[in-house]
C-alpha atoms as a PDB file:
ATOM      1  CA  MET A   1       8.403  10.236  -9.078  1.00  0.00           C
ATOM      2  CA  ILE A   2       4.847  10.465  -8.727  1.00  0.00           C
ATOM      3  CA  THR A   3       3.781  12.690  -5.892  1.00  0.00           C
ATOM      4  CA  SER A   4      -0.104  13.193  -5.138  1.00  0.00           C
ATOM      5  CA  LYS A   5      -1.415  15.673  -2.640  1.00  0.00           C
ATOM      6  CA  GLY A   6      -4.483  14.012  -0.944  1.00  0.00           C
ATOM      7  CA  GLY A   7      -5.334  11.732  -3.751  1.00  0.00           C
ATOM      8  CA  TYR A   8      -3.953   8.295  -5.799  1.00  0.00           C
ATOM      9  CA  ALA A   9      -2.379   9.248  -9.294  1.00  0.00           C
ATOM     10  CA  THR A  10      -0.413   8.136 -11.667  1.00  0.00           C
ATOM     11  CA  ASN A  11       1.497   9.989 -14.733  1.00  0.00           C
ATOM     12  CA  ASP A  12      -1.817   8.835 -16.895  1.00  0.00           C
ATOM     13  CA  GLU A  13      -4.510   8.956 -14.379  1.00  0.00           C
ATOM     14  CA  PRO A  14      -6.134  12.050 -12.753  1.00  0.00           C
ATOM     15  CA  ILE A  15      -6.537  11.821  -9.278  1.00  0.00           C
ATOM     16  CA  ASP A  16     -10.485  10.852  -8.865  1.00  0.00           C
ATOM     17  CA  GLU A  17     -11.849  10.613  -5.142  1.00  0.00           C
ATOM     18  CA  THR A  18     -15.655  10.180  -6.162  1.00  0.00           C
ATOM     19  CA  ASP A  19     -15.241   6.837  -4.577  1.00  0.00           C
ATOM     20  CA  THR A  20     -13.042   7.158  -1.945  1.00  0.00           C
ATOM     21  CA  GLY A  21     -13.347  10.647  -0.669  1.00  0.00           C
ATOM     22  CA  TRP A  22     -10.668  12.121   1.937  1.00  0.00           C
ATOM     23  CA  ILE A  23      -9.518   8.214   2.596  1.00  0.00           C
ATOM     24  CA  LEU A  24      -7.030   8.501  -0.280  1.00  0.00           C
ATOM     25  CA  PRO A  25      -3.644   9.684   1.423  1.00  0.00           C
ATOM     26  CA  ALA A  26      -1.039  11.671   0.143  1.00  0.00           C
ATOM     27  CA  VAL A  27       1.254   8.992  -1.738  1.00  0.00           C
ATOM     28  CA  ASN A  28       4.824   9.207  -2.967  1.00  0.00           C
ATOM     29  CA  THR A  29       5.395   5.935  -5.549  1.00  0.00           C
ATOM     30  CA  SER A  30       6.485   5.562  -9.330  1.00  0.00           C
ATOM     31  CA  GLU A  31       5.250   3.143 -11.798  1.00  0.00           C
ATOM     32  CA  GLU A  32       8.340   0.843 -10.748  1.00  0.00           C
ATOM     33  CA  LEU A  33       7.670   1.044  -7.257  1.00  0.00           C
ATOM     34  CA  GLU A  34       3.798   0.272  -8.196  1.00  0.00           C
ATOM     35  CA  GLN A  35       4.602  -2.930 -10.299  1.00  0.00           C
ATOM     36  CA  ASP A  36       6.958  -4.157  -8.009  1.00  0.00           C
ATOM     37  CA  PHE A  37       3.990  -3.815  -5.398  1.00  0.00           C
ATOM     38  CA  VAL A  38       1.869  -5.620  -7.694  1.00  0.00           C
ATOM     39  CA  ASN A  39       4.224  -8.022  -8.395  1.00  0.00           C
ATOM     40  CA  LYS A  40       4.861  -9.258  -4.602  1.00  0.00           C
ATOM     41  CA  SER A  41       0.911  -9.272  -4.509  1.00  0.00           C
ATOM     42  CA  LYS A  42       0.658 -11.788  -7.010  1.00  0.00           C
ATOM     43  CA  ASN A  43       3.073 -13.968  -5.363  1.00  0.00           C
ATOM     44  CA  GLN A  44       1.416 -13.451  -1.969  1.00  0.00           C
ATOM     45  CA  ARG A  45       4.341 -11.691  -0.738  1.00  0.00           C
ATOM     46  CA  ALA A  46       2.739  -8.035  -0.367  1.00  0.00           C
ATOM     47  CA  LYS A  47       3.642  -6.289   2.935  1.00  0.00           C
ATOM     48  CA  VAL A  48       2.565  -2.906   4.262  1.00  0.00           C
ATOM     49  CA  VAL A  49       3.585  -1.323   7.478  1.00  0.00           C
ATOM     50  CA  SER A  50       1.503   1.401   8.849  1.00  0.00           C
ATOM     51  CA  ASP A  51       1.776   3.736  11.999  1.00  0.00           C
ATOM     52  CA  GLY A  52      -0.260   6.183  13.438  1.00  0.00           C
ATOM     53  CA  SER A  53       0.065   9.285  15.813  1.00  0.00           C
ATOM     54  CA  TYR A  54      -1.578  11.821  17.494  1.00  0.00           C
ATOM     55  CA  LYS A  55       0.115  15.177  18.012  1.00  0.00           C
ATOM     56  CA  LYS A  56      -1.488  19.134  18.562  1.00  0.00           C
ATOM     57  CA  GLY A  57      -5.030  17.889  18.561  1.00  0.00           C
ATOM     58  CA  HIS A  58      -4.779  16.032  14.995  1.00  0.00           C
ATOM     59  CA  SER A  59      -4.870  12.326  14.569  1.00  0.00           C
ATOM     60  CA  THR A  60      -2.172  11.156  11.528  1.00  0.00           C
ATOM     61  CA  ALA A  61      -0.859   8.315  10.059  1.00  0.00           C
ATOM     62  CA  GLY A  62       1.481   6.647   7.520  1.00  0.00           C
ATOM     63  CA  PHE A  63       2.552   3.617   5.263  1.00  0.00           C
ATOM     64  CA  VAL A  64       5.311   1.981   3.170  1.00  0.00           C
ATOM     65  CA  THR A  65       5.342  -0.945   1.127  1.00  0.00           C
ATOM     66  CA  VAL A  66       7.940  -3.224   2.239  1.00  0.00           C
ATOM     67  CA  GLY A  67      10.197  -4.588  -0.263  1.00  0.00           C
ATOM     68  CA  LYS A  68      13.528  -4.197  -1.740  1.00  0.00           C
ATOM     69  CA  VAL A  69      15.256  -1.618   0.598  1.00  0.00           C
ATOM     70  CA  LYS A  70      18.603  -0.259  -0.472  1.00  0.00           C
ATOM     71  CA  SER A  71      20.507   1.040   2.517  1.00  0.00           C
ATOM     72  CA  THR A  72      23.844   1.679   3.590  1.00  0.00           C
ATOM     73  CA  ARG A  73      24.537   1.019   7.349  1.00  0.00           C
ATOM     74  CA  ASP A  74      21.917   3.716   8.846  1.00  0.00           C
ATOM     75  CA  GLU A  75      20.469   5.458   5.993  1.00  0.00           C
ATOM     76  CA  ILE A  76      17.216   4.496   4.122  1.00  0.00           C
ATOM     77  CA  GLU A  77      16.315   5.253   0.461  1.00  0.00           C
ATOM     78  CA  LEU A  78      12.787   5.948   0.981  1.00  0.00           C
ATOM     79  CA  ASN A  79      12.490   6.083  -2.792  1.00  0.00           C
ATOM     80  CA  SER A  80      12.614   2.314  -2.630  1.00  0.00           C
ATOM     81  CA  ARG A  81       9.355   1.924  -0.984  1.00  0.00           C
ATOM     82  CA  VAL A  82       5.618   3.510  -1.895  1.00  0.00           C
ATOM     83  CA  HIS A  83       4.680   5.595   1.244  1.00  0.00           C
ATOM     84  CA  GLY A  84       1.657   7.409   2.129  1.00  0.00           C
ATOM     85  CA  GLN A  85       0.703   9.628   4.799  1.00  0.00           C
ATOM     86  CA  ILE A  86      -2.994  11.151   5.678  1.00  0.00           C
ATOM     87  CA  THR A  87      -4.496  13.392   8.536  1.00  0.00           C
ATOM     88  CA  LEU A  88      -7.826  12.016   9.841  1.00  0.00           C
ATOM     89  CA  PRO A  89     -10.618  14.104  10.051  1.00  0.00           C
ATOM     90  CA  SER A  90     -13.375  14.591  12.962  1.00  0.00           C
ATOM     91  CA  THR A  91     -15.732  16.928  13.807  1.00  0.00           C
ATOM     92  CA  ASN A  92     -14.702  16.925  17.424  1.00  0.00           C
ATOM     93  CA  LYS A  93     -11.172  17.407  18.640  1.00  0.00           C
ATOM     94  CA  LYS A  94     -12.070  15.024  21.522  1.00  0.00           C
ATOM     95  CA  ASP A  95     -12.081  12.120  19.168  1.00  0.00           C
ATOM     96  CA  HIS A  96      -8.806  12.540  17.761  1.00  0.00           C
ATOM     97  CA  SER A  97      -6.029  10.174  19.238  1.00  0.00           C
ATOM     98  CA  SER A  98      -3.150   7.936  18.669  1.00  0.00           C
ATOM     99  CA  TYR A  99      -5.916   5.021  18.178  1.00  0.00           C
ATOM    100  CA  ARG A 100      -7.470   6.920  15.729  1.00  0.00           C
ATOM    101  CA  GLY A 101      -4.245   7.389  13.682  1.00  0.00           C
ATOM    102  CA  GLU A 102      -3.411   3.791  13.935  1.00  0.00           C
ATOM    103  CA  LEU A 103      -6.755   2.963  12.394  1.00  0.00           C
ATOM    104  CA  GLY A 104      -6.101   5.473   9.825  1.00  0.00           C
ATOM    105  CA  GLY A 105      -2.740   4.041   8.734  1.00  0.00           C
ATOM    106  CA  ILE A 106      -4.727   0.600   8.296  1.00  0.00           C
ATOM    107  CA  LEU A 107      -7.520   2.455   6.209  1.00  0.00           C
ATOM    108  CA  ALA A 108      -4.884   4.148   4.143  1.00  0.00           C
ATOM    109  CA  ALA A 109      -2.614   1.337   3.262  1.00  0.00           C
ATOM    110  CA  ILE A 110      -5.914  -0.683   2.477  1.00  0.00           C
ATOM    111  CA  VAL A 111      -7.339   1.928   0.400  1.00  0.00           C
ATOM    112  CA  TYR A 112      -4.017   2.348  -1.548  1.00  0.00           C
ATOM    113  CA  THR A 113      -3.678  -1.347  -2.153  1.00  0.00           C
ATOM    114  CA  ASN A 114      -6.898  -2.003  -3.289  1.00  0.00           C
ATOM    115  CA  LYS A 115      -6.824   0.744  -5.928  1.00  0.00           C
ATOM    116  CA  VAL A 116      -3.108  -0.463  -7.300  1.00  0.00           C
ATOM    117  CA  CYS A 117      -4.593  -4.048  -7.120  1.00  0.00           C
ATOM    118  CA  LYS A 118      -8.043  -3.196  -8.864  1.00  0.00           C
ATOM    119  CA  LYS A 119      -5.935  -1.105 -11.810  1.00  0.00           C
ATOM    120  CA  HIS A 120      -3.854  -4.088 -12.291  1.00  0.00           C
ATOM    121  CA  LYS A 121      -6.378  -6.467 -11.977  1.00  0.00           C
ATOM    122  CA  VAL A 122      -4.917  -8.576  -9.176  1.00  0.00           C
ATOM    123  CA  SER A 123      -7.200 -10.547  -7.325  1.00  0.00           C
ATOM    124  CA  ALA A 124      -7.547 -13.476  -4.791  1.00  0.00           C
ATOM    125  CA  GLU A 125      -3.949 -12.793  -3.473  1.00  0.00           C
ATOM    126  CA  THR A 126      -3.009 -11.867   0.021  1.00  0.00           C
ATOM    127  CA  CYS A 127      -1.440  -8.978   1.446  1.00  0.00           C
ATOM    128  CA  GLU A 128      -0.181  -8.547   5.147  1.00  0.00           C
ATOM    129  CA  ILE A 129       0.007  -5.626   7.080  1.00  0.00           C
ATOM    130  CA  GLY A 130       1.835  -4.734  10.117  1.00  0.00           C
ATOM    131  CA  LEU A 131       1.265  -2.519  13.077  1.00  0.00           C
ATOM    132  CA  ASP A 132       2.492  -1.575  16.655  1.00  0.00           C
ATOM    133  CA  ASN A 133      -1.087  -1.487  18.244  1.00  0.00           C
ATOM    134  CA  LYS A 134      -3.090  -5.012  18.993  1.00  0.00           C
ATOM    135  CA  GLY A 135      -5.961  -3.237  19.666  1.00  0.00           C
ATOM    136  CA  ALA A 136      -6.265  -1.443  16.214  1.00  0.00           C
ATOM    137  CA  ILE A 137      -5.390  -4.878  14.700  1.00  0.00           C
ATOM    138  CA  ALA A 138      -8.219  -6.502  16.876  1.00  0.00           C
ATOM    139  CA  ALA A 139     -10.702  -3.600  15.875  1.00  0.00           C
ATOM    140  CA  ALA A 140     -10.035  -4.004  12.351  1.00  0.00           C
ATOM    141  CA  PHE A 141      -9.615  -7.733  11.690  1.00  0.00           C
ATOM    142  CA  GLY A 142     -10.958  -9.158  14.816  1.00  0.00           C
ATOM    143  CA  TRP A 143     -14.453 -11.503  14.897  1.00  0.00           C
ATOM    144  CA  LYS A 144     -16.433  -8.863  16.731  1.00  0.00           C
ATOM    145  CA  ARG A 145     -18.900  -6.946  14.707  1.00  0.00           C
ATOM    146  CA  PRO A 146     -18.110  -3.177  15.228  1.00  0.00           C
ATOM    147  CA  ASN A 147     -20.311  -1.396  17.631  1.00  0.00           C
ATOM    148  CA  PRO A 148     -21.551   2.305  17.249  1.00  0.00           C
ATOM    149  CA  ARG A 149     -20.478   2.676  21.184  1.00  0.00           C
ATOM    150  CA  TRP A 150     -16.768   1.654  20.098  1.00  0.00           C
ATOM    151  CA  SER A 151     -14.337   4.564  20.060  1.00  0.00           C
ATOM    152  CA  CYS A 152     -13.230   5.445  16.137  1.00  0.00           C
ATOM    153  CA  TYR A 153     -16.295   3.395  15.018  1.00  0.00           C
ATOM    154  CA  ASP A 154     -16.559   5.405  11.593  1.00  0.00           C
ATOM    155  CA  ILE A 155     -12.701   4.378  10.809  1.00  0.00           C
ATOM    156  CA  VAL A 156     -13.436   0.665  12.053  1.00  0.00           C
ATOM    157  CA  SER A 157     -16.362   0.457   9.880  1.00  0.00           C
ATOM    158  CA  MET A 158     -14.791   2.060   6.803  1.00  0.00           C
ATOM    159  CA  ILE A 159     -11.845  -0.436   7.258  1.00  0.00           C
ATOM    160  CA  ARG A 160     -14.473  -3.164   7.451  1.00  0.00           C
ATOM    161  CA  TYR A 161     -16.170  -2.345   4.716  1.00  0.00           C
ATOM    162  CA  ASN A 162     -12.890  -1.744   2.412  1.00  0.00           C
ATOM    163  CA  ILE A 163     -11.861  -5.343   3.562  1.00  0.00           C
ATOM    164  CA  LYS A 164     -14.743  -6.775   2.522  1.00  0.00           C
ATOM    165  CA  HIS A 165     -14.892  -5.308  -0.866  1.00  0.00           C
ATOM    166  CA  SER A 166     -11.034  -5.747  -1.356  1.00  0.00           C
ATOM    167  CA  PRO A 167     -10.187  -7.498  -4.317  1.00  0.00           C
ATOM    168  CA  ILE A 168      -7.374  -9.414  -2.369  1.00  0.00           C
ATOM    169  CA  LYS A 169      -7.136 -11.231   0.781  1.00  0.00           C
ATOM    170  CA  TRP A 170      -5.947  -9.322   3.713  1.00  0.00           C
ATOM    171  CA  ALA A 171      -3.870 -10.657   6.806  1.00  0.00           C
ATOM    172  CA  SER A 172      -2.837  -8.857  10.113  1.00  0.00           C
ATOM    173  CA  ARG A 173       0.705  -8.934  12.292  1.00  0.00           C
ATOM    174  CA  HIS A 174       1.587  -7.286  15.068  1.00  0.00           C
ATOM    175  CA  VAL A 175       5.048  -5.601  14.950  1.00  0.00           C
ATOM    176  CA  LYS A 176       6.937  -4.164  18.214  1.00  0.00           C
ATOM    177  CA  GLY A 177       6.994  -1.054  18.187  1.00  0.00           C
ATOM    178  CA  HIS A 178      10.282   1.522  18.150  1.00  0.00           C
ATOM    179  CA  GLN A 179      12.592  -1.080  17.286  1.00  0.00           C
ATOM    180  CA  ASP A 180      14.583   1.236  15.644  1.00  0.00           C
ATOM    181  CA  ASP A 181      15.364   3.103  19.015  1.00  0.00           C
ATOM    182  CA  ALA A 182      18.469   1.053  19.817  1.00  0.00           C
ATOM    183  CA  LYS A 183      19.439  -0.723  16.660  1.00  0.00           C
ATOM    184  CA  ARG A 184      20.820   0.496  13.203  1.00  0.00           C
ATOM    185  CA  PHE A 185      18.593  -0.080  10.607  1.00  0.00           C
ATOM    186  CA  GLY A 186      20.164  -3.061   8.885  1.00  0.00           C
ATOM    187  CA  GLU A 187      20.181  -5.121  12.395  1.00  0.00           C
ATOM    188  CA  LEU A 188      16.008  -4.795  12.528  1.00  0.00           C
ATOM    189  CA  ASP A 189      14.219  -8.019  12.078  1.00  0.00           C
ATOM    190  CA  GLU A 190      12.427  -8.042   8.953  1.00  0.00           C
ATOM    191  CA  GLY A 191      10.932 -11.739   9.262  1.00  0.00           C
ATOM    192  CA  GLY A 192       9.544 -10.457  12.636  1.00  0.00           C
END
């Protein structure tokens, strides 16, 4: 298992944050999981799910790649997926919100995916990202040009920059939040 605190790393590659700075999430992965994700990207079946949160004055987010999941009843083996997390910076505590966290999850997933695709020379394929915040989807993937008056303009601008310079195409999908509140894992809709 490869674990990186604050950066993306593999067994043979040191952490290099010079091109992406703080954006790189803490990622738990392995060569096998990374290769599985790359293979899905090549077949236009790569999917990532992200979610953001706000608690105790901080915006945070996480993402997981969607792939084969080894599960029995309600137990999920998280080691069967790449998963990452990030705490978003801000100079003003008033800037933090769950919306900023949602955008941070999108940004972290895109930055991670872009680095993996560049490393493995994957291009012109599609990755779909799912999340439960329609406003964040519209800001990140919508037709409107970001405006400096927008809440979280800095994060939205970084998302748009990373999508524009991505080696792959991006698609988004709204997924209903908190589906797991009343259902066992095996009953959740993957096709959604």
